[in-house]
Structure formats: structure tokens, C-alpha cells
Amino acid sequence: MEKKGKLFLCATPIGNLDDITLRAAKALRAAPLVAAEDTRHTRKLLNHLGAEGKLFGYHEHNKDAAGPILLDKLREGADIVLVSDAGYPGIADPGEALVVMAIAEGIEVVPLPGANAVLTALVASGLPTTPFFFGGFLPKTKKHRREKLEDWKDMPHTIIFYEAPHRIKDVLRDIREGWGDRKIVLARELTKLYEEFFRGTVTEALTWLDVKPPRGEFTLVIGGADVQLAAEPNISALEAASRLIAEGSDKKETIKQIAKKYGISKRQLYQELLQESSQKI
């Protein structure tokens, strides 16, 4: 039986070329074939690394035709390194479809970790990092964008989107209208020379963009919906907090909100949760 090739998912720098990992650089130098969204863009990276692998275009507009070609090469035993223009392939790009096809064929998929805009923005945002929800790119049309925002309105998690500079203001206005004036962090030009973070409310972000016209790709990190569970006579603060935490709400924020609604101290509620947890062990 002929040995099948491996599909390597190679994270590439999101701005600063020094963020390439040693393992990723080694894989790109050794790769006979590199599947890339934009071959011209990736050629610059390969030249920087002294890599000479053959480039094959695989992107959103040709994935239905190009995917089966790459799959045939993997079946024949060729190793392929898949990259996106920046960051991890498979996250908000067509790499996801190729991974699904490869797994269905029993082809080994090997992730090569590295730079990623979602996590880079999240850890520096100052908003709760767990749990979080990544929504990719919002729909381009106002109608569909507002429908999607309505679907996610009540999520208690930190929410992350990617957005283009020419749509950012419209998106922020839709968020404010649908979700209210939430806490938000705008991260732009991550890891690049002009990397910048704005932290404030949605309204403050719009004012900031009036002064500083948007340039470069944005990653939006938005505070989740506040805990909306009202104090009920038949539900104790402990029961209310336990239910929300079990549903995925941030523990620290839940304790804060429930303690406020029930008029008890955060420390008291925290201790009750600890006691309840120890009794279940």
C-alpha cells in the first residue's frame, strides 16, 4: 500500500516576520509544495527564509477546484504545507475545507503552531479571556450583519471579530444599536511597526476613529452581555451563579453581577461556590 502524504498547517507571521517559528521555517524550507492564498505574498516569505518550494494557489475563489487536486497529491504520497496570508490556516480562511477533506481520506494533518490575530488581540485586550467566542468576519451587508449580531446579542462571552478598515465604522454603529454601548478593544496592525490598541466603549471607539482614520485590518474584542438573571425569590444567589457558570459564563463576572443583584458580598458568594464544588468531589 502506498504511503499517503501529510498535510501540514503552518502558521505564518501576521506582520512581523521575526514571529515565524523555527519549526515552521524548517517545514517551509523542506516543503516540495506550499499551498497558499496569495502566491505572490507567500513568495516574499519563502524568499526571506531561503525556501524554494513550489507554490500552488489555494484560496476562497478556487477551493472547490483546487482542493481535489491537492487531495490527489496527498493520496499519491506528497507532503503539502498549507499557509494563509497571515496567521493560522483554517481560521476564517479556506484551509478549513481542505482539512475536512484530508481527514475524511485518512490523511494525517499536522498543525505547526504560531502567530494568530485572535489570541494576540485577546490576551492584550484586558477583557475576560475565557470563555471567548470568535465570529470570524461579519456579513458585508447591513441586513445580514444585523441579523448575525442579533443571534449573538445575549452571549455572556468575550466576542471577537475581524473587520476591514472601510467597514469598521458601520460595524461599530450596528454593534452599538444592537448591543448597546459595550466595552470594546480595537486592535490594528498587530505585531507591525504601527501596532495600536484602543480600549473604551463603542461610542468612544467611533470618536477615536473620527480623529484617527481607520487603516489596516482590525481585530475587535468586545465585552459579553452582562448577566441578566434577576433575583428571584425561588432561586438562591448560589443556584443562580452555579447555573450561569455551568452555561459557560465567566466565573469572576458572574459572581460580581449576581452578588450585586442579590445584595450579598462577592466573597460570600465565592465561598459558597467553593463549598458546593468541594461537596461534589
Protein backbone atom coordinates (compact mmCIF):
# COMPACT_ATOMS: atom_id res chain seq x y z
CA MET A 1 0.00 0.00 0.00
CA GLU A 2 1.38 3.37 -0.97
CA LYS A 3 2.10 5.76 1.88
CA LYS A 4 -0.04 8.90 1.89
CA GLY A 5 1.45 12.34 2.32
CA LYS A 6 0.89 14.64 5.27
CA LEU A 7 -0.92 17.98 5.32
CA PHE A 8 1.00 20.50 7.44
CA LEU A 9 -0.95 23.53 8.70
CA CYS A 10 1.73 26.17 9.01
CA ALA A 11 1.09 29.39 10.93
CA THR A 12 2.86 32.36 9.36
CA PRO A 13 3.60 35.84 10.79
CA ILE A 14 0.67 38.26 11.00
CA GLY A 15 3.01 41.21 10.44
CA ASN A 16 6.44 40.84 11.96
CA LEU A 17 8.48 38.28 10.00
CA ASP A 18 10.51 37.51 13.12
CA ASP A 19 7.44 35.76 14.54
CA ILE A 20 7.97 32.73 12.29
CA THR A 21 8.77 29.72 14.45
CA LEU A 22 11.88 27.60 13.92
CA ARG A 23 9.67 24.60 13.22
CA ALA A 24 7.58 26.47 10.64
CA ALA A 25 10.68 27.83 8.91
CA LYS A 26 12.15 24.33 8.75
CA ALA A 27 8.92 22.92 7.28
CA LEU A 28 8.70 25.65 4.62
CA ARG A 29 12.34 25.15 3.59
CA ALA A 30 11.79 21.41 3.24
CA ALA A 31 8.36 21.58 1.57
CA PRO A 32 8.21 20.44 -2.07
CA LEU A 33 4.78 22.09 -2.36
CA VAL A 34 3.30 25.06 -0.48
CA ALA A 35 -0.43 25.77 -0.89
CA ALA A 36 -1.07 29.48 -0.38
CA GLU A 37 -3.91 32.00 -0.57
CA ASP A 38 -1.79 34.56 -2.43
CA THR A 39 1.31 33.02 -4.01
CA ARG A 40 2.94 36.43 -4.54
CA HIS A 41 2.57 37.28 -0.87
CA THR A 42 3.87 33.89 0.28
CA ARG A 43 6.80 34.02 -2.16
CA LYS A 44 8.12 37.02 -0.22
CA LEU A 45 8.09 34.95 2.97
CA LEU A 46 9.77 31.99 1.28
CA ASN A 47 12.47 34.28 -0.15
CA HIS A 48 13.01 35.72 3.32
CA LEU A 49 13.51 32.18 4.67
CA GLY A 50 15.61 30.96 1.74
CA ALA A 51 12.93 28.40 0.88
CA GLU A 52 12.44 27.22 -2.69
CA GLY A 53 9.28 25.13 -2.55
CA LYS A 54 6.82 25.20 -5.43
CA LEU A 55 3.79 27.39 -4.78
CA PHE A 56 0.22 26.33 -5.55
CA GLY A 57 -2.69 28.76 -5.33
CA TYR A 58 -5.46 27.65 -2.98
CA HIS A 59 -7.95 30.34 -1.98
CA GLU A 60 -11.62 31.07 -1.41
CA HIS A 61 -12.40 31.55 -5.10
CA ASN A 62 -10.80 28.31 -6.38
CA LYS A 63 -11.03 25.96 -3.39
CA ASP A 64 -13.70 23.74 -4.98
CA ALA A 65 -11.43 23.01 -7.95
CA ALA A 66 -8.02 23.26 -6.25
CA GLY A 67 -8.93 21.20 -3.17
CA PRO A 68 -9.36 17.87 -5.03
CA ILE A 69 -6.05 18.47 -6.88
CA LEU A 70 -4.20 18.89 -3.58
CA LEU A 71 -6.02 15.87 -2.18
CA ASP A 72 -4.82 13.74 -5.12
CA LYS A 73 -1.23 14.79 -4.43
CA LEU A 74 -1.60 13.85 -0.77
CA ARG A 75 -3.03 10.45 -1.75
CA GLU A 76 -0.01 9.92 -4.02
CA GLY A 77 2.35 10.47 -1.09
CA ALA A 78 3.31 14.13 -1.44
CA ASP A 79 3.60 16.24 1.70
CA ILE A 80 1.94 19.65 1.44
CA VAL A 81 2.42 22.71 3.64
CA LEU A 82 -0.72 24.86 3.77
CA VAL A 83 -0.41 28.53 4.70
CA SER A 84 -2.72 31.53 4.82
CA ASP A 85 -1.65 35.08 4.04
CA ALA A 86 -1.14 35.65 7.77
CA GLY A 87 -1.70 33.62 10.91
CA TYR A 88 -3.12 30.13 11.15
CA PRO A 89 -4.63 28.46 8.05
CA GLY A 90 -8.14 27.20 8.68
CA ILE A 91 -9.25 30.18 10.79
CA ALA A 92 -11.59 32.37 8.74
CA ASP A 93 -9.99 31.11 5.51
CA PRO A 94 -10.47 28.24 3.02
CA GLY A 95 -7.95 25.98 4.75
CA GLU A 96 -10.82 24.66 6.86
CA ALA A 97 -12.35 22.90 3.84
CA LEU A 98 -9.09 21.19 2.88
CA VAL A 99 -8.58 19.92 6.42
CA VAL A 100 -12.05 18.36 6.43
CA MET A 101 -11.37 16.60 3.11
CA ALA A 102 -7.96 15.35 4.24
CA ILE A 103 -9.32 13.89 7.48
CA ALA A 104 -12.12 12.16 5.58
CA GLU A 105 -9.44 10.50 3.41
CA GLY A 106 -7.44 9.32 6.41
CA ILE A 107 -4.61 11.74 5.65
CA GLU A 108 -2.54 12.88 8.62
CA VAL A 109 -2.99 16.57 9.47
CA VAL A 110 -0.08 18.14 11.36
CA PRO A 111 -0.56 21.61 12.95
CA LEU A 112 2.52 23.82 13.20
CA PRO A 113 1.62 26.47 15.84
CA GLY A 114 2.46 30.13 15.59
CA ALA A 115 1.07 33.63 15.26
CA ASN A 116 -2.68 34.22 15.38
CA ALA A 117 -4.52 37.55 15.44
CA VAL A 118 -7.44 36.30 17.56
CA LEU A 119 -5.33 35.25 20.54
CA THR A 120 -2.82 38.08 20.11
CA ALA A 121 -5.61 40.66 20.43
CA LEU A 122 -7.46 38.78 23.17
CA VAL A 123 -4.58 38.41 25.63
CA ALA A 124 -3.72 42.11 25.36
CA SER A 125 -7.32 43.35 25.48
CA GLY A 126 -7.86 43.43 29.22
CA LEU A 127 -11.25 41.73 28.76
CA PRO A 128 -12.01 38.23 30.14
CA THR A 129 -10.08 35.66 28.11
CA THR A 130 -12.26 32.68 29.00
CA PRO A 131 -14.65 31.81 27.67
CA PHE A 132 -14.47 33.66 24.36
CA PHE A 133 -16.30 33.37 21.06
CA PHE A 134 -14.72 34.02 17.65
CA GLY A 135 -17.13 35.02 14.90
CA GLY A 136 -14.70 35.50 12.01
CA PHE A 137 -15.81 38.22 9.59
CA LEU A 138 -19.31 39.63 9.98
CA PRO A 139 -21.53 39.66 6.85
CA LYS A 140 -20.82 42.56 4.49
CA THR A 141 -24.42 43.66 4.03
CA LYS A 142 -26.12 45.65 6.79
CA LYS A 143 -29.23 43.44 6.85
CA HIS A 144 -27.34 40.16 7.28
CA ARG A 145 -24.83 41.74 9.66
CA ARG A 146 -27.60 42.94 11.96
CA GLU A 147 -29.25 39.51 11.85
CA LYS A 148 -26.00 37.87 12.91
CA LEU A 149 -25.46 40.40 15.69
CA GLU A 150 -28.98 39.71 16.95
CA ASP A 151 -28.19 35.98 17.09
CA TRP A 152 -25.16 36.65 19.30
CA LYS A 153 -26.56 39.53 21.34
CA ASP A 154 -27.01 37.67 24.64
CA MET A 155 -23.72 35.76 24.66
CA PRO A 156 -22.01 36.26 28.03
CA HIS A 157 -18.60 35.51 26.49
CA THR A 158 -15.98 37.91 25.19
CA ILE A 159 -16.63 38.15 21.44
CA ILE A 160 -14.00 38.59 18.72
CA PHE A 161 -14.39 39.62 15.06
CA TYR A 162 -12.14 40.53 12.17
CA GLU A 163 -13.06 43.64 10.19
CA ALA A 164 -11.76 45.65 7.24
CA PRO A 165 -10.96 49.36 7.70
CA HIS A 166 -13.55 50.59 5.19
CA ARG A 167 -16.40 48.87 7.10
CA ILE A 168 -15.27 49.33 10.69
CA LYS A 169 -17.39 52.42 11.46
CA ASP A 170 -20.57 50.90 10.04
CA VAL A 171 -19.95 47.72 12.04
CA LEU A 172 -19.42 49.68 15.27
CA ARG A 173 -22.65 51.62 14.72
CA ASP A 174 -24.54 48.35 14.17
CA ILE A 175 -22.99 46.87 17.34
CA ARG A 176 -23.99 49.92 19.39
CA GLU A 177 -27.52 49.86 18.02
CA GLY A 178 -27.98 46.14 18.57
CA TRP A 179 -25.92 45.51 21.71
CA GLY A 180 -25.64 48.86 23.42
CA ASP A 181 -22.51 50.82 24.29
CA ARG A 182 -20.33 47.90 25.36
CA LYS A 183 -16.69 47.75 26.31
CA ILE A 184 -14.58 47.19 23.22
CA VAL A 185 -10.96 46.90 22.17
CA LEU A 186 -9.83 47.70 18.63
CA ALA A 187 -6.52 46.10 17.73
CA ARG A 188 -4.93 47.18 14.47
CA GLU A 189 -1.70 46.37 12.63
CA LEU A 190 -0.89 43.64 15.17
CA THR A 191 2.86 42.91 15.52
CA LYS A 192 3.66 45.57 12.90
CA LEU A 193 5.50 48.86 13.32
CA TYR A 194 2.28 50.83 13.90
CA GLU A 195 0.55 48.29 16.16
CA GLU A 196 -2.15 50.04 18.17
CA PHE A 197 -4.84 49.23 20.72
CA PHE A 198 -7.89 51.32 21.55
CA ARG A 199 -9.72 50.42 24.77
CA GLY A 200 -13.04 52.01 25.73
CA THR A 201 -16.72 51.92 24.76
CA VAL A 202 -18.16 51.58 21.27
CA THR A 203 -19.09 55.27 21.24
CA GLU A 204 -15.58 56.25 22.31
CA ALA A 205 -14.15 53.99 19.60
CA LEU A 206 -16.20 55.79 16.94
CA THR A 207 -14.94 59.15 18.21
CA TRP A 208 -11.37 57.83 18.14
CA LEU A 209 -11.79 56.72 14.52
CA ASP A 210 -13.09 60.18 13.58
CA VAL A 211 -9.79 61.62 14.80
CA LYS A 212 -7.65 58.77 13.51
CA PRO A 213 -8.98 57.47 10.16
CA PRO A 214 -9.01 53.65 10.08
CA ARG A 215 -6.10 51.96 8.34
CA GLY A 216 -5.04 48.34 8.32
CA GLU A 217 -7.00 45.26 9.33
CA PHE A 218 -8.82 45.35 12.68
CA THR A 219 -9.45 42.71 15.30
CA LEU A 220 -12.41 43.65 17.52
CA VAL A 221 -12.59 42.28 21.06
CA ILE A 222 -15.99 43.04 22.64
CA GLY A 223 -17.29 42.52 26.16
CA GLY A 224 -20.01 39.89 26.51
CA ALA A 225 -23.58 40.58 27.58
CA ASP A 226 -23.99 41.41 31.27
CA VAL A 227 -25.58 38.75 33.41
CA GLN A 228 -29.30 39.38 33.06
CA LEU A 229 -30.70 36.92 35.61
CA ALA A 230 -32.79 38.92 38.08
CA ALA A 231 -33.01 37.98 41.73
CA GLU A 232 -35.91 35.56 42.12
CA PRO A 233 -37.45 34.52 45.42
CA ASN A 234 -37.34 30.83 44.48
CA ILE A 235 -33.73 30.83 43.26
CA SER A 236 -30.84 31.50 45.62
CA ALA A 237 -27.80 33.50 44.63
CA LEU A 238 -25.77 30.28 44.74
CA GLU A 239 -28.20 28.49 42.41
CA ALA A 240 -28.28 31.45 40.00
CA ALA A 241 -24.48 31.72 39.89
CA SER A 242 -23.97 27.96 39.54
CA ARG A 243 -26.42 27.80 36.63
CA LEU A 244 -24.74 30.64 34.70
CA ILE A 245 -21.23 29.31 35.27
CA ALA A 246 -22.34 25.86 34.10
CA GLU A 247 -23.69 27.51 30.92
CA GLY A 248 -20.26 29.00 30.21
CA SER A 249 -20.41 32.47 31.80
CA ASP A 250 -17.18 33.94 33.10
CA LYS A 251 -16.93 32.96 36.79
CA LYS A 252 -15.50 36.24 38.06
CA GLU A 253 -18.03 38.39 36.19
CA THR A 254 -20.92 36.13 37.21
CA ILE A 255 -20.02 36.38 40.91
CA LYS A 256 -19.79 40.15 40.59
CA GLN A 257 -23.16 40.53 38.85
CA ILE A 258 -25.11 38.01 40.95
CA ALA A 259 -23.72 39.36 44.22
CA LYS A 260 -24.84 42.84 43.21
CA LYS A 261 -28.33 41.70 42.22
CA TYR A 262 -28.86 39.70 45.43
CA GLY A 263 -27.27 42.28 47.70
CA ILE A 264 -24.59 39.99 49.12
CA SER A 265 -20.80 40.21 49.15
CA LYS A 266 -18.75 38.74 46.31
CA ARG A 267 -16.57 36.97 48.89
CA GLN A 268 -19.60 35.27 50.47
CA LEU A 269 -20.85 34.00 47.12
CA TYR A 270 -17.37 32.85 46.11
CA GLN A 271 -17.04 30.85 49.33
CA GLU A 272 -20.45 29.25 48.79
CA LEU A 273 -19.43 28.22 45.27
CA LEU A 274 -16.19 26.72 46.59
CA GLN A 275 -18.08 24.77 49.25
CA GLU A 276 -20.60 23.49 46.71
CA SER A 277 -17.75 22.41 44.40
CA SER A 278 -15.93 20.54 47.18
CA GLN A 279 -19.13 18.68 48.11
CA LYS A 280 -19.45 17.35 44.56
CA ILE A 281 -15.97 15.79 44.60
